[in-house]
């Protein structure tokens, strides 16, 4: 199992989530975040904004669904401009269900 974390533009949130659902990935966690990338914020006239609003999505997917989910994110989140976001993938070694206190049967 893998954890996919992606940071995207807020205006792309609905589209990304809808496309993930169509691809069979409906379980996710979402939160609003502030951040900046390599461009270190943006300059608008005389105002400089160090941190920009973004949305972070976190998904747990089986190994065989990773490429599909990442493809959906890359396609549906892209505007072609700096600041479109990032996708991070990491292994999930173990997971527990809080309600039951038992380990999930298939994390690795």
N, C-alpha and C. Protein backbone atom coordinates (compact mmCIF):
# COMPACT_ATOMS: atom_id res chain seq x y z
N UNK A 1 0.85 -1.17 0.00
CA UNK A 1 0.00 0.00 0.00
C UNK A 1 0.89 1.23 0.00
N UNK A 2 0.43 2.27 -0.66
CA UNK A 2 1.18 3.53 -0.75
C UNK A 2 0.33 4.68 -0.23
N UNK A 3 1.03 5.68 0.27
CA UNK A 3 0.41 6.95 0.65
C UNK A 3 0.76 7.96 -0.44
N UNK A 4 -0.24 8.55 -1.04
CA UNK A 4 -0.03 9.60 -2.03
C UNK A 4 -0.46 10.91 -1.39
N UNK A 5 0.46 11.84 -1.31
CA UNK A 5 0.14 13.18 -0.84
C UNK A 5 0.37 14.12 -2.01
N UNK A 6 -0.60 14.98 -2.26
CA UNK A 6 -0.46 15.93 -3.35
C UNK A 6 -0.87 17.31 -2.88
N UNK A 7 -0.13 18.29 -3.33
CA UNK A 7 -0.43 19.68 -3.03
C UNK A 7 -0.83 20.32 -4.35
N UNK A 8 -2.05 20.86 -4.39
CA UNK A 8 -2.61 21.38 -5.63
C UNK A 8 -3.18 22.77 -5.43
N UNK A 9 -3.49 23.42 -6.54
CA UNK A 9 -4.15 24.73 -6.49
C UNK A 9 -5.59 24.54 -5.97
N UNK A 10 -6.08 25.46 -5.14
CA UNK A 10 -7.44 25.33 -4.60
C UNK A 10 -8.51 25.26 -5.69
N UNK A 11 -8.31 25.95 -6.78
CA UNK A 11 -9.33 25.96 -7.85
C UNK A 11 -9.40 24.63 -8.60
N UNK A 12 -8.43 23.74 -8.38
CA UNK A 12 -8.42 22.43 -9.03
C UNK A 12 -8.94 21.32 -8.12
N UNK A 13 -9.23 21.65 -6.87
CA UNK A 13 -9.64 20.65 -5.88
C UNK A 13 -10.83 19.81 -6.34
N UNK A 14 -11.92 20.43 -6.73
CA UNK A 14 -13.13 19.71 -7.11
C UNK A 14 -12.87 18.80 -8.30
N UNK A 15 -12.19 19.30 -9.31
CA UNK A 15 -11.90 18.50 -10.50
C UNK A 15 -11.04 17.28 -10.16
N UNK A 16 -10.01 17.49 -9.36
CA UNK A 16 -9.12 16.38 -8.99
C UNK A 16 -9.90 15.32 -8.22
N UNK A 17 -10.68 15.72 -7.24
CA UNK A 17 -11.44 14.77 -6.43
C UNK A 17 -12.45 14.02 -7.29
N UNK A 18 -13.15 14.71 -8.17
CA UNK A 18 -14.12 14.06 -9.05
C UNK A 18 -13.45 13.04 -9.96
N UNK A 19 -12.29 13.39 -10.51
CA UNK A 19 -11.59 12.47 -11.40
C UNK A 19 -11.03 11.26 -10.62
N UNK A 20 -10.57 11.49 -9.40
CA UNK A 20 -10.12 10.36 -8.57
C UNK A 20 -11.27 9.40 -8.29
N UNK A 21 -12.44 9.95 -7.99
CA UNK A 21 -13.61 9.11 -7.74
C UNK A 21 -13.95 8.27 -8.97
N UNK A 22 -13.89 8.89 -10.15
CA UNK A 22 -14.15 8.15 -11.39
C UNK A 22 -13.14 7.02 -11.59
N UNK A 23 -11.92 7.21 -11.09
CA UNK A 23 -10.87 6.20 -11.21
C UNK A 23 -10.93 5.17 -10.09
N UNK A 24 -11.92 5.30 -9.20
CA UNK A 24 -12.09 4.31 -8.14
C UNK A 24 -11.42 4.64 -6.83
N UNK A 25 -10.93 5.87 -6.69
CA UNK A 25 -10.29 6.30 -5.43
C UNK A 25 -11.20 7.33 -4.78
N UNK A 26 -11.95 6.89 -3.77
CA UNK A 26 -12.90 7.82 -3.16
C UNK A 26 -12.51 8.22 -1.74
N UNK A 27 -11.68 7.42 -1.07
CA UNK A 27 -11.28 7.72 0.30
C UNK A 27 -10.06 8.64 0.29
N UNK A 28 -10.17 9.77 0.94
CA UNK A 28 -9.06 10.71 1.01
C UNK A 28 -9.22 11.63 2.20
N UNK A 29 -8.14 12.27 2.55
CA UNK A 29 -8.15 13.31 3.57
C UNK A 29 -7.70 14.58 2.89
N UNK A 30 -8.33 15.69 3.26
CA UNK A 30 -8.04 16.96 2.60
C UNK A 30 -7.88 18.05 3.65
N UNK A 31 -6.92 18.94 3.42
CA UNK A 31 -6.83 20.11 4.27
C UNK A 31 -6.27 21.28 3.49
N UNK A 32 -6.66 22.47 3.93
CA UNK A 32 -6.17 23.71 3.32
C UNK A 32 -4.83 24.04 3.94
N UNK A 33 -3.87 24.40 3.10
CA UNK A 33 -2.53 24.71 3.56
C UNK A 33 -2.03 25.99 2.91
N UNK A 34 -0.96 26.52 3.44
CA UNK A 34 -0.25 27.65 2.83
C UNK A 34 1.15 27.18 2.51
N UNK A 35 1.70 27.64 1.42
CA UNK A 35 3.06 27.25 1.10
C UNK A 35 3.61 28.03 -0.08
N UNK A 36 4.83 27.67 -0.41
CA UNK A 36 5.46 28.29 -1.57
C UNK A 36 6.42 27.28 -2.17
N UNK A 37 6.67 27.42 -3.43
CA UNK A 37 7.57 26.53 -4.12
C UNK A 37 8.89 27.21 -4.42
N UNK A 38 9.52 26.74 -5.47
CA UNK A 38 10.83 27.28 -5.84
C UNK A 38 10.78 28.77 -6.18
N UNK A 39 9.61 29.23 -6.63
CA UNK A 39 9.50 30.64 -7.01
C UNK A 39 9.41 31.56 -5.80
N UNK A 40 9.33 30.96 -4.60
CA UNK A 40 9.32 31.72 -3.33
C UNK A 40 8.18 32.74 -3.25
N UNK A 41 7.01 32.34 -3.64
CA UNK A 41 5.85 33.22 -3.60
C UNK A 41 5.67 33.94 -4.92
N UNK A 42 4.84 34.97 -4.91
CA UNK A 42 4.61 35.74 -6.14
C UNK A 42 4.65 37.23 -5.86
N UNK A 43 4.97 37.98 -6.88
CA UNK A 43 4.99 39.44 -6.83
C UNK A 43 3.81 39.94 -7.66
N UNK A 44 2.93 40.72 -7.03
CA UNK A 44 1.80 41.33 -7.72
C UNK A 44 1.91 42.83 -7.49
N UNK A 45 2.34 43.55 -8.51
CA UNK A 45 2.60 44.98 -8.34
C UNK A 45 3.71 45.16 -7.33
N UNK A 46 3.46 45.97 -6.31
CA UNK A 46 4.48 46.17 -5.28
C UNK A 46 4.34 45.19 -4.11
N UNK A 47 3.29 44.37 -4.14
CA UNK A 47 3.06 43.41 -3.04
C UNK A 47 3.71 42.07 -3.35
N UNK A 48 4.40 41.52 -2.34
CA UNK A 48 5.00 40.21 -2.47
C UNK A 48 4.29 39.25 -1.51
N UNK A 49 3.81 38.12 -2.04
CA UNK A 49 3.13 37.12 -1.23
C UNK A 49 4.05 35.92 -1.07
N UNK A 50 4.55 35.72 0.16
CA UNK A 50 5.47 34.63 0.45
C UNK A 50 4.80 33.27 0.44
N UNK A 51 3.58 33.22 0.91
CA UNK A 51 2.86 31.95 1.01
C UNK A 51 1.55 32.06 0.25
N UNK A 52 1.23 31.00 -0.47
CA UNK A 52 0.02 30.98 -1.27
C UNK A 52 -0.90 29.87 -0.78
N UNK A 53 -2.22 30.07 -0.90
CA UNK A 53 -3.15 29.01 -0.49
C UNK A 53 -3.05 27.83 -1.44
N UNK A 54 -3.04 26.63 -0.87
CA UNK A 54 -3.03 25.38 -1.62
C UNK A 54 -3.94 24.40 -0.89
N UNK A 55 -4.20 23.26 -1.52
CA UNK A 55 -4.96 22.18 -0.90
C UNK A 55 -4.06 20.95 -0.89
N UNK A 56 -4.02 20.25 0.23
CA UNK A 56 -3.25 19.02 0.34
C UNK A 56 -4.25 17.85 0.42
N UNK A 57 -4.06 16.87 -0.44
CA UNK A 57 -4.88 15.66 -0.42
C UNK A 57 -3.98 14.49 -0.05
N UNK A 58 -4.48 13.60 0.80
CA UNK A 58 -3.73 12.41 1.18
C UNK A 58 -4.62 11.20 0.90
N UNK A 59 -4.07 10.24 0.14
CA UNK A 59 -4.81 9.04 -0.24
C UNK A 59 -3.98 7.82 0.10
N UNK A 60 -4.62 6.76 0.52
CA UNK A 60 -3.97 5.47 0.70
C UNK A 60 -4.51 4.56 -0.39
N UNK A 61 -3.62 4.05 -1.21
CA UNK A 61 -4.06 3.20 -2.32
C UNK A 61 -3.23 1.93 -2.40
N UNK A 62 -3.84 0.85 -2.89
CA UNK A 62 -3.06 -0.37 -3.12
C UNK A 62 -1.99 -0.10 -4.18
N UNK A 63 -0.90 -0.85 -4.12
CA UNK A 63 0.21 -0.65 -5.06
C UNK A 63 -0.25 -0.62 -6.51
N UNK A 64 -1.19 -1.49 -6.86
CA UNK A 64 -1.63 -1.58 -8.25
C UNK A 64 -2.46 -0.37 -8.71
N UNK A 65 -2.87 0.49 -7.79
CA UNK A 65 -3.66 1.68 -8.14
C UNK A 65 -2.83 2.95 -8.17
N UNK A 66 -1.58 2.88 -7.78
CA UNK A 66 -0.75 4.08 -7.65
C UNK A 66 -0.61 4.82 -8.97
N UNK A 67 -0.20 4.12 -10.02
CA UNK A 67 0.03 4.79 -11.31
C UNK A 67 -1.24 5.45 -11.84
N UNK A 68 -2.36 4.77 -11.69
CA UNK A 68 -3.63 5.33 -12.14
C UNK A 68 -3.97 6.60 -11.37
N UNK A 69 -3.85 6.54 -10.03
CA UNK A 69 -4.18 7.70 -9.20
C UNK A 69 -3.25 8.88 -9.50
N UNK A 70 -1.96 8.61 -9.63
CA UNK A 70 -1.01 9.68 -9.93
C UNK A 70 -1.30 10.27 -11.30
N UNK A 71 -1.61 9.44 -12.27
CA UNK A 71 -1.95 9.93 -13.61
C UNK A 71 -3.15 10.86 -13.59
N UNK A 72 -4.16 10.48 -12.82
CA UNK A 72 -5.37 11.31 -12.69
C UNK A 72 -5.01 12.66 -12.06
N UNK A 73 -4.21 12.64 -11.02
CA UNK A 73 -3.82 13.89 -10.34
C UNK A 73 -3.02 14.77 -11.30
N UNK A 74 -2.03 14.20 -11.96
CA UNK A 74 -1.19 14.99 -12.86
C UNK A 74 -2.02 15.63 -13.98
N UNK A 75 -2.95 14.88 -14.52
CA UNK A 75 -3.76 15.40 -15.62
C UNK A 75 -4.78 16.44 -15.16
N UNK A 76 -5.48 16.15 -14.07
CA UNK A 76 -6.58 17.03 -13.66
C UNK A 76 -6.12 18.25 -12.85
N UNK A 77 -4.92 18.23 -12.28
CA UNK A 77 -4.44 19.37 -11.49
C UNK A 77 -3.61 20.34 -12.31
N UNK A 78 -3.19 19.94 -13.49
CA UNK A 78 -2.26 20.75 -14.29
C UNK A 78 -2.94 21.94 -14.95
N UNK A 79 -2.32 23.12 -14.78
CA UNK A 79 -2.72 24.31 -15.54
C UNK A 79 -1.63 24.68 -16.53
N UNK A 80 -0.41 24.20 -16.29
CA UNK A 80 0.72 24.54 -17.15
C UNK A 80 1.50 25.75 -16.65
N UNK A 81 1.13 26.26 -15.49
CA UNK A 81 1.79 27.44 -14.92
C UNK A 81 2.58 27.04 -13.67
N UNK A 82 3.59 27.83 -13.31
CA UNK A 82 4.30 27.56 -12.05
C UNK A 82 3.32 27.55 -10.88
N UNK A 83 3.55 26.66 -9.93
CA UNK A 83 2.69 26.59 -8.75
C UNK A 83 1.56 25.57 -8.88
N UNK A 84 1.62 24.71 -9.92
CA UNK A 84 0.57 23.69 -10.07
C UNK A 84 0.60 22.67 -8.95
N UNK A 85 1.74 22.45 -8.31
CA UNK A 85 1.78 21.56 -7.16
C UNK A 85 2.77 20.43 -7.29
N UNK A 86 2.66 19.46 -6.37
CA UNK A 86 3.59 18.32 -6.30
C UNK A 86 2.81 17.08 -5.89
N UNK A 87 3.41 15.93 -6.20
CA UNK A 87 2.86 14.64 -5.78
C UNK A 87 3.98 13.89 -5.08
N UNK A 88 3.70 13.37 -3.89
CA UNK A 88 4.67 12.61 -3.11
C UNK A 88 4.09 11.22 -2.86
N UNK A 89 4.91 10.19 -3.02
CA UNK A 89 4.47 8.81 -2.81
C UNK A 89 5.39 8.16 -1.79
N UNK A 90 4.79 7.51 -0.80
CA UNK A 90 5.61 6.81 0.20
C UNK A 90 4.95 5.48 0.56
N UNK A 91 5.76 4.57 1.05
CA UNK A 91 5.27 3.26 1.48
C UNK A 91 4.50 3.38 2.78
N UNK A 92 3.47 2.58 2.92
CA UNK A 92 2.73 2.46 4.17
C UNK A 92 3.11 1.11 4.76
N UNK A 93 3.84 1.12 5.86
CA UNK A 93 4.31 -0.11 6.49
C UNK A 93 3.22 -0.77 7.32
N UNK A 94 2.41 0.04 7.98
CA UNK A 94 1.31 -0.51 8.77
C UNK A 94 0.25 0.56 8.95
N UNK A 95 -0.97 0.09 9.22
CA UNK A 95 -2.10 0.98 9.44
C UNK A 95 -3.06 0.29 10.40
N UNK A 96 -3.75 1.07 11.20
CA UNK A 96 -4.70 0.54 12.17
C UNK A 96 -6.04 1.22 12.00
N UNK A 97 -7.10 0.47 12.24
CA UNK A 97 -8.44 1.04 12.27
C UNK A 97 -8.73 1.45 13.71
N UNK A 98 -9.00 2.70 13.93
CA UNK A 98 -9.21 3.21 15.28
C UNK A 98 -10.42 2.56 15.94
N UNK A 99 -11.51 2.40 15.20
CA UNK A 99 -12.73 1.83 15.77
C UNK A 99 -12.49 0.46 16.38
N UNK A 100 -11.75 -0.40 15.69
CA UNK A 100 -11.54 -1.77 16.16
C UNK A 100 -10.22 -1.95 16.90
N UNK A 101 -9.26 -1.06 16.64
CA UNK A 101 -7.94 -1.19 17.23
C UNK A 101 -7.08 -2.24 16.54
N UNK A 102 -7.59 -2.82 15.46
CA UNK A 102 -6.85 -3.87 14.76
C UNK A 102 -6.07 -3.31 13.58
N UNK A 103 -4.97 -4.00 13.25
CA UNK A 103 -4.22 -3.59 12.07
C UNK A 103 -5.03 -3.86 10.80
N UNK A 104 -4.87 -3.00 9.82
CA UNK A 104 -5.48 -3.25 8.53
C UNK A 104 -4.83 -4.48 7.92
N UNK A 105 -5.58 -5.31 7.26
CA UNK A 105 -5.03 -6.56 6.77
C UNK A 105 -4.04 -6.44 5.62
N UNK A 106 -4.00 -5.32 4.90
CA UNK A 106 -3.24 -5.28 3.67
C UNK A 106 -2.35 -4.07 3.50
N UNK A 107 -1.69 -3.52 4.53
CA UNK A 107 -0.90 -2.33 4.30
C UNK A 107 0.34 -2.55 3.43
N UNK A 108 1.06 -3.63 3.59
CA UNK A 108 2.27 -3.82 2.79
C UNK A 108 1.87 -4.53 1.58
